[in-house]
C-alpha atoms as a PDB file:
ATOM      1  CA  GLN A   1      42.993  61.199-116.412  1.00  0.00           C
ATOM      2  CA  VAL A   2      41.513  62.257-119.737  1.00  0.00           C
ATOM      3  CA  GLN A   3      38.139  60.779-120.601  1.00  0.00           C
ATOM      4  CA  LEU A   4      35.958  61.189-123.670  1.00  0.00           C
ATOM      5  CA  VAL A   5      32.469  59.736-123.591  1.00  0.00           C
ATOM      6  CA  GLU A   6      30.347  59.638-126.734  1.00  0.00           C
ATOM      7  CA  SER A   7      26.580  59.378-126.793  1.00  0.00           C
ATOM      8  CA  GLY A   8      23.702  59.875-129.191  1.00  0.00           C
ATOM      9  CA  GLY A   9      24.222  57.008-131.582  1.00  0.00           C
ATOM     10  CA  GLY A  10      21.385  54.772-132.693  1.00  0.00           C
ATOM     11  CA  SER A  11      19.426  53.412-135.609  1.00  0.00           C
ATOM     12  CA  VAL A  12      17.677  55.669-138.075  1.00  0.00           C
ATOM     13  CA  GLN A  13      16.212  55.447-141.554  1.00  0.00           C
ATOM     14  CA  ALA A  14      17.878  57.083-144.510  1.00  0.00           C
ATOM     15  CA  GLY A  15      17.151  60.787-144.586  1.00  0.00           C
ATOM     16  CA  GLY A  16      16.905  60.995-140.823  1.00  0.00           C
ATOM     17  CA  SER A  17      19.045  62.864-138.306  1.00  0.00           C
ATOM     18  CA  LEU A  18      21.116  62.142-135.219  1.00  0.00           C
ATOM     19  CA  ARG A  19      23.207  64.327-132.943  1.00  0.00           C
ATOM     20  CA  LEU A  20      26.290  62.832-131.378  1.00  0.00           C
ATOM     21  CA  SER A  21      27.801  64.271-128.208  1.00  0.00           C
ATOM     22  CA  CYS A  22      31.253  63.822-126.733  1.00  0.00           C
ATOM     23  CA  ALA A  23      31.803  64.877-123.128  1.00  0.00           C
ATOM     24  CA  VAL A  24      35.438  65.601-122.265  1.00  0.00           C
ATOM     25  CA  SER A  25      37.008  65.590-118.818  1.00  0.00           C
ATOM     26  CA  GLY A  26      40.547  65.791-117.508  1.00  0.00           C
ATOM     27  CA  TYR A  27      42.121  67.567-120.514  1.00  0.00           C
ATOM     28  CA  THR A  28      43.966  70.455-118.938  1.00  0.00           C
ATOM     29  CA  TYR A  29      45.108  72.407-121.994  1.00  0.00           C
ATOM     30  CA  ASN A  30      43.102  75.501-122.839  1.00  0.00           C
ATOM     31  CA  ASN A  31      43.523  75.246-126.596  1.00  0.00           C
ATOM     32  CA  TYR A  32      43.021  72.033-128.544  1.00  0.00           C
ATOM     33  CA  CYS A  33      41.623  70.369-131.623  1.00  0.00           C
ATOM     34  CA  MET A  34      38.798  67.879-131.571  1.00  0.00           C
ATOM     35  CA  GLY A  35      37.547  65.563-134.245  1.00  0.00           C
ATOM     36  CA  TRP A  36      34.981  62.965-135.149  1.00  0.00           C
ATOM     37  CA  PHE A  37      36.114  59.785-136.850  1.00  0.00           C
ATOM     38  CA  ARG A  38      34.233  56.704-137.994  1.00  0.00           C
ATOM     39  CA  GLN A  39      35.014  53.130-138.839  1.00  0.00           C
ATOM     40  CA  ALA A  40      32.759  50.710-140.670  1.00  0.00           C
ATOM     41  CA  PRO A  41      33.334  46.939-140.564  1.00  0.00           C
ATOM     42  CA  GLY A  42      36.133  45.954-142.887  1.00  0.00           C
ATOM     43  CA  LYS A  43      37.083  49.546-143.622  1.00  0.00           C
ATOM     44  CA  GLU A  44      39.797  51.870-142.403  1.00  0.00           C
ATOM     45  CA  ARG A  45      39.093  54.609-139.891  1.00  0.00           C
ATOM     46  CA  GLU A  46      38.026  57.820-141.604  1.00  0.00           C
ATOM     47  CA  GLY A  47      38.197  61.402-140.422  1.00  0.00           C
ATOM     48  CA  VAL A  48      34.703  62.903-140.640  1.00  0.00           C
ATOM     49  CA  ALA A  49      34.935  66.410-139.177  1.00  0.00           C
ATOM     50  CA  ALA A  50      37.221  68.415-136.929  1.00  0.00           C
ATOM     51  CA  ILE A  51      37.283  71.770-135.170  1.00  0.00           C
ATOM     52  CA  ASP A  52      40.289  73.736-133.968  1.00  0.00           C
ATOM     53  CA  GLY A  53      40.759  76.070-131.018  1.00  0.00           C
ATOM     54  CA  ASN A  54      39.575  79.075-133.006  1.00  0.00           C
ATOM     55  CA  GLY A  55      36.425  77.363-134.210  1.00  0.00           C
ATOM     56  CA  GLY A  56      37.761  76.586-137.654  1.00  0.00           C
ATOM     57  CA  THR A  57      36.236  73.442-139.119  1.00  0.00           C
ATOM     58  CA  ILE A  58      36.959  70.879-141.783  1.00  0.00           C
ATOM     59  CA  TYR A  59      34.810  68.083-143.176  1.00  0.00           C
ATOM     60  CA  THR A  60      35.459  65.079-145.314  1.00  0.00           C
ATOM     61  CA  GLU A  61      33.913  65.540-148.738  1.00  0.00           C
ATOM     62  CA  SER A  62      31.189  62.924-148.333  1.00  0.00           C
ATOM     63  CA  VAL A  63      29.537  64.695-145.384  1.00  0.00           C
ATOM     64  CA  LYS A  64      29.833  68.331-146.449  1.00  0.00           C
ATOM     65  CA  GLY A  65      26.466  70.065-146.300  1.00  0.00           C
ATOM     66  CA  ARG A  66      24.957  67.250-144.195  1.00  0.00           C
ATOM     67  CA  PHE A  67      27.043  67.157-140.992  1.00  0.00           C
ATOM     68  CA  THR A  68      27.900  70.029-138.655  1.00  0.00           C
ATOM     69  CA  ILE A  69      30.565  69.916-135.963  1.00  0.00           C
ATOM     70  CA  SER A  70      30.381  72.280-133.003  1.00  0.00           C
ATOM     71  CA  LYS A  71      31.542  72.550-129.426  1.00  0.00           C
ATOM     72  CA  ASP A  72      30.330  74.069-126.188  1.00  0.00           C
ATOM     73  CA  ASN A  73      33.401  75.123-124.231  1.00  0.00           C
ATOM     74  CA  ALA A  74      31.390  75.803-121.070  1.00  0.00           C
ATOM     75  CA  LYS A  75      30.122  72.226-121.089  1.00  0.00           C
ATOM     76  CA  ASN A  76      33.367  70.691-122.403  1.00  0.00           C
ATOM     77  CA  THR A  77      31.283  68.929-125.019  1.00  0.00           C
ATOM     78  CA  LEU A  78      31.758  68.320-128.714  1.00  0.00           C
ATOM     79  CA  TYR A  79      28.805  67.704-131.022  1.00  0.00           C
ATOM     80  CA  LEU A  80      28.188  66.276-134.453  1.00  0.00           C
ATOM     81  CA  GLN A  81      24.816  67.076-135.989  1.00  0.00           C
ATOM     82  CA  MET A  82      24.152  64.566-138.738  1.00  0.00           C
ATOM     83  CA  ASP A  83      21.329  65.286-141.172  1.00  0.00           C
ATOM     84  CA  SER A  84      20.204  63.584-144.384  1.00  0.00           C
ATOM     85  CA  LEU A  85      21.839  60.385-143.220  1.00  0.00           C
ATOM     86  CA  LYS A  86      22.667  57.720-145.769  1.00  0.00           C
ATOM     87  CA  PRO A  87      23.251  53.965-145.364  1.00  0.00           C
ATOM     88  CA  GLU A  88      26.929  54.546-146.145  1.00  0.00           C
ATOM     89  CA  ASP A  89      27.172  56.660-142.962  1.00  0.00           C
ATOM     90  CA  THR A  90      26.719  53.464-140.936  1.00  0.00           C
ATOM     91  CA  ALA A  91      29.771  53.055-138.694  1.00  0.00           C
ATOM     92  CA  THR A  92      31.081  53.344-135.183  1.00  0.00           C
ATOM     93  CA  TYR A  93      31.778  57.004-134.515  1.00  0.00           C
ATOM     94  CA  TYR A  94      34.625  58.122-132.267  1.00  0.00           C
ATOM     95  CA  CYS A  95      35.599  61.504-130.906  1.00  0.00           C
ATOM     96  CA  ALA A  96      39.188  62.476-130.263  1.00  0.00           C
ATOM     97  CA  ILE A  97      41.138  65.371-128.747  1.00  0.00           C
ATOM     98  CA  GLY A  98      44.670  66.567-129.301  1.00  0.00           C
ATOM     99  CA  PRO A  99      46.979  69.579-129.167  1.00  0.00           C
ATOM    100  CA  HIS A 100      46.026  72.790-130.951  1.00  0.00           C
ATOM    101  CA  SER A 101      49.070  72.385-133.188  1.00  0.00           C
ATOM    102  CA  ILE A 102      47.072  69.862-135.197  1.00  0.00           C
ATOM    103  CA  GLY A 103      45.168  72.792-136.626  1.00  0.00           C
ATOM    104  CA  TRP A 104      48.306  74.352-138.096  1.00  0.00           C
ATOM    105  CA  GLY A 105      47.854  71.967-140.998  1.00  0.00           C
ATOM    106  CA  LYS A 106      44.174  71.981-141.757  1.00  0.00           C
ATOM    107  CA  PHE A 107      44.004  68.624-143.519  1.00  0.00           C
ATOM    108  CA  ARG A 108      45.947  67.058-140.662  1.00  0.00           C
ATOM    109  CA  MET A 109      42.889  67.689-138.501  1.00  0.00           C
ATOM    110  CA  LEU A 110      41.290  64.665-140.202  1.00  0.00           C
ATOM    111  CA  VAL A 111      44.253  62.369-139.524  1.00  0.00           C
ATOM    112  CA  GLY A 112      43.588  60.111-136.580  1.00  0.00           C
ATOM    113  CA  SER A 113      47.215  59.585-135.619  1.00  0.00           C
ATOM    114  CA  ALA A 114      47.519  63.305-134.831  1.00  0.00           C
ATOM    115  CA  TYR A 115      45.174  62.969-131.846  1.00  0.00           C
ATOM    116  CA  SER A 116      46.112  61.981-128.324  1.00  0.00           C
ATOM    117  CA  TYR A 117      42.965  60.685-126.649  1.00  0.00           C
ATOM    118  CA  TRP A 118      39.916  58.808-127.906  1.00  0.00           C
ATOM    119  CA  GLY A 119      36.451  57.897-126.770  1.00  0.00           C
ATOM    120  CA  GLN A 120      35.029  54.400-126.772  1.00  0.00           C
ATOM    121  CA  GLY A 121      32.757  54.958-129.767  1.00  0.00           C
ATOM    122  CA  THR A 122      29.046  55.045-130.455  1.00  0.00           C
ATOM    123  CA  GLN A 123      27.272  53.036-133.139  1.00  0.00           C
ATOM    124  CA  VAL A 124      25.299  54.723-135.911  1.00  0.00           C
ATOM    125  CA  THR A 125      23.184  52.523-138.171  1.00  0.00           C
ATOM    126  CA  VAL A 126      21.303  53.957-141.138  1.00  0.00           C
ATOM    127  CA  SER A 127      18.839  51.715-142.922  1.00  0.00           C
ATOM    128  CA  SER A 128      17.575  52.212-146.444  1.00  0.00           C
END
Protein backbone atom coordinates (compact mmCIF):
# COMPACT_ATOMS: atom_id res chain seq x y z
CA GLN A 1 0.00 0.00 0.00
CA VAL A 2 1.47 3.33 -1.08
CA GLN A 3 1.38 6.09 1.50
CA LEU A 4 2.52 9.70 1.31
CA VAL A 5 2.53 11.74 4.50
CA GLU A 6 3.18 15.48 4.39
CA SER A 7 4.39 17.54 7.31
CA GLY A 8 5.90 20.94 8.00
CA GLY A 9 2.99 23.21 7.23
CA GLY A 10 2.00 26.06 9.51
CA SER A 11 1.42 29.76 9.83
CA VAL A 12 4.12 32.28 9.04
CA GLN A 13 4.40 35.98 8.29
CA ALA A 14 5.19 37.24 4.83
CA GLY A 15 8.89 36.96 4.11
CA GLY A 16 9.26 33.92 6.32
CA SER A 17 10.23 30.35 5.48
CA LEU A 18 8.84 26.85 5.86
CA ARG A 19 10.10 23.44 4.81
CA LEU A 20 7.57 20.82 3.83
CA SER A 21 8.40 17.12 3.97
CA CYS A 22 6.69 14.18 2.31
CA ALA A 23 7.54 10.70 3.55
CA VAL A 24 6.83 7.94 1.03
CA SER A 25 6.30 4.26 1.76
CA GLY A 26 5.15 1.29 -0.28
CA TYR A 27 6.11 2.61 -3.74
CA THR A 28 8.10 -0.22 -5.22
CA TYR A 29 9.39 1.33 -8.45
CA ASN A 30 12.99 2.48 -8.42
CA ASN A 31 12.51 5.42 -10.75
CA TYR A 32 9.69 7.93 -10.38
CA CYS A 33 8.62 11.55 -10.48
CA MET A 34 7.41 13.47 -7.47
CA GLY A 35 5.69 16.79 -7.24
CA TRP A 36 4.26 19.39 -4.93
CA PHE A 37 0.85 20.83 -5.68
CA ARG A 38 -1.30 23.37 -3.86
CA GLN A 39 -4.92 24.36 -3.74
CA ALA A 40 -6.33 27.54 -2.24
CA PRO A 41 -10.02 27.89 -1.36
CA GLY A 42 -12.07 28.55 -4.46
CA LYS A 43 -9.14 27.96 -6.78
CA GLU A 44 -8.01 25.07 -8.94
CA ARG A 45 -5.15 22.82 -7.92
CA GLU A 46 -1.82 24.17 -9.13
CA GLY A 47 1.45 22.40 -9.79
CA VAL A 48 4.17 24.11 -7.75
CA ALA A 49 7.36 22.08 -8.28
CA ALA A 50 8.38 18.63 -9.44
CA ILE A 51 11.49 16.48 -9.62
CA ASP A 52 12.18 13.53 -11.89
CA GLY A 53 14.22 10.38 -11.38
CA ASN A 54 17.40 12.06 -12.59
CA GLY A 55 17.01 15.04 -10.29
CA GLY A 56 15.69 17.35 -12.97
CA THR A 57 13.34 19.98 -11.58
CA ILE A 58 10.64 22.31 -12.76
CA TYR A 59 8.85 25.14 -10.97
CA THR A 60 5.78 27.16 -11.66
CA GLU A 61 6.71 30.72 -12.54
CA SER A 62 5.36 32.32 -9.37
CA VAL A 63 7.70 30.39 -7.06
CA LYS A 64 10.91 30.41 -9.09
CA GLY A 65 13.82 31.70 -7.02
CA ARG A 66 11.85 31.29 -3.76
CA PHE A 67 11.04 27.56 -3.53
CA THR A 68 13.42 24.61 -3.84
CA ILE A 69 12.35 21.01 -4.33
CA SER A 70 14.68 18.18 -3.33
CA LYS A 71 14.56 14.56 -2.31
CA ASP A 72 16.51 12.20 -0.09
CA ASN A 73 16.35 8.77 -1.69
CA ALA A 74 17.83 7.06 1.38
CA LYS A 75 15.02 8.44 3.52
CA ASN A 76 12.32 8.14 0.83
CA THR A 77 11.43 11.74 1.55
CA LEU A 78 10.60 14.68 -0.67
CA TYR A 79 11.11 18.26 0.50
CA LEU A 80 9.95 21.71 -0.47
CA GLN A 81 11.95 24.59 0.97
CA MET A 82 9.82 27.71 0.78
CA ASP A 83 11.51 31.06 1.34
CA SER A 84 10.30 34.65 0.97
CA LEU A 85 6.74 33.46 1.44
CA LYS A 86 3.90 35.66 0.27
CA PRO A 87 0.22 35.76 1.30
CA GLU A 88 -0.68 34.37 -2.13
CA ASP A 89 1.26 31.19 -1.24
CA THR A 90 -1.47 30.37 1.30
CA ALA A 91 -2.96 27.00 0.36
CA THR A 92 -3.12 23.34 1.22
CA TYR A 93 0.01 21.71 -0.15
CA TYR A 94 0.00 18.13 -1.44
CA CYS A 95 2.78 15.83 -2.55
CA ALA A 96 2.31 13.23 -5.24
CA ILE A 97 4.26 10.39 -6.85
CA GLY A 98 3.99 8.77 -10.24
CA PRO A 99 5.88 6.87 -12.92
CA HIS A 100 9.17 8.22 -14.26
CA SER A 101 7.57 8.56 -17.69
CA ILE A 102 5.96 11.77 -16.45
CA GLY A 103 9.36 13.37 -16.77
CA TRP A 104 9.56 12.65 -20.50
CA GLY A 105 7.46 15.76 -20.97
CA LYS A 106 8.87 18.31 -18.60
CA PHE A 107 5.80 20.52 -18.34
CA ARG A 108 3.67 17.44 -17.70
CA MET A 109 5.49 17.12 -14.38
CA LEU A 110 3.27 19.96 -13.11
CA VAL A 111 0.03 18.30 -14.22
CA GLY A 112 -1.73 16.65 -11.33
CA SER A 113 -3.58 14.06 -13.38
CA ALA A 114 -0.25 12.52 -14.40
CA TYR A 115 0.42 11.33 -10.85
CA SER A 116 -0.77 8.11 -9.27
CA TYR A 117 -0.71 8.61 -5.51
CA TRP A 118 -1.30 11.62 -3.27
CA GLY A 119 -0.78 12.66 0.31
CA GLN A 120 -3.46 14.09 2.55
CA GLY A 121 -2.14 17.65 2.43
CA THR A 122 -0.65 20.14 4.84
CA GLN A 123 -1.88 23.69 5.36
CA VAL A 124 0.37 26.69 4.76
CA THR A 125 -0.91 30.10 5.84
CA VAL A 126 1.07 33.27 5.14
CA SER A 127 -0.09 36.47 6.77
CA SER A 128 0.77 39.96 5.60
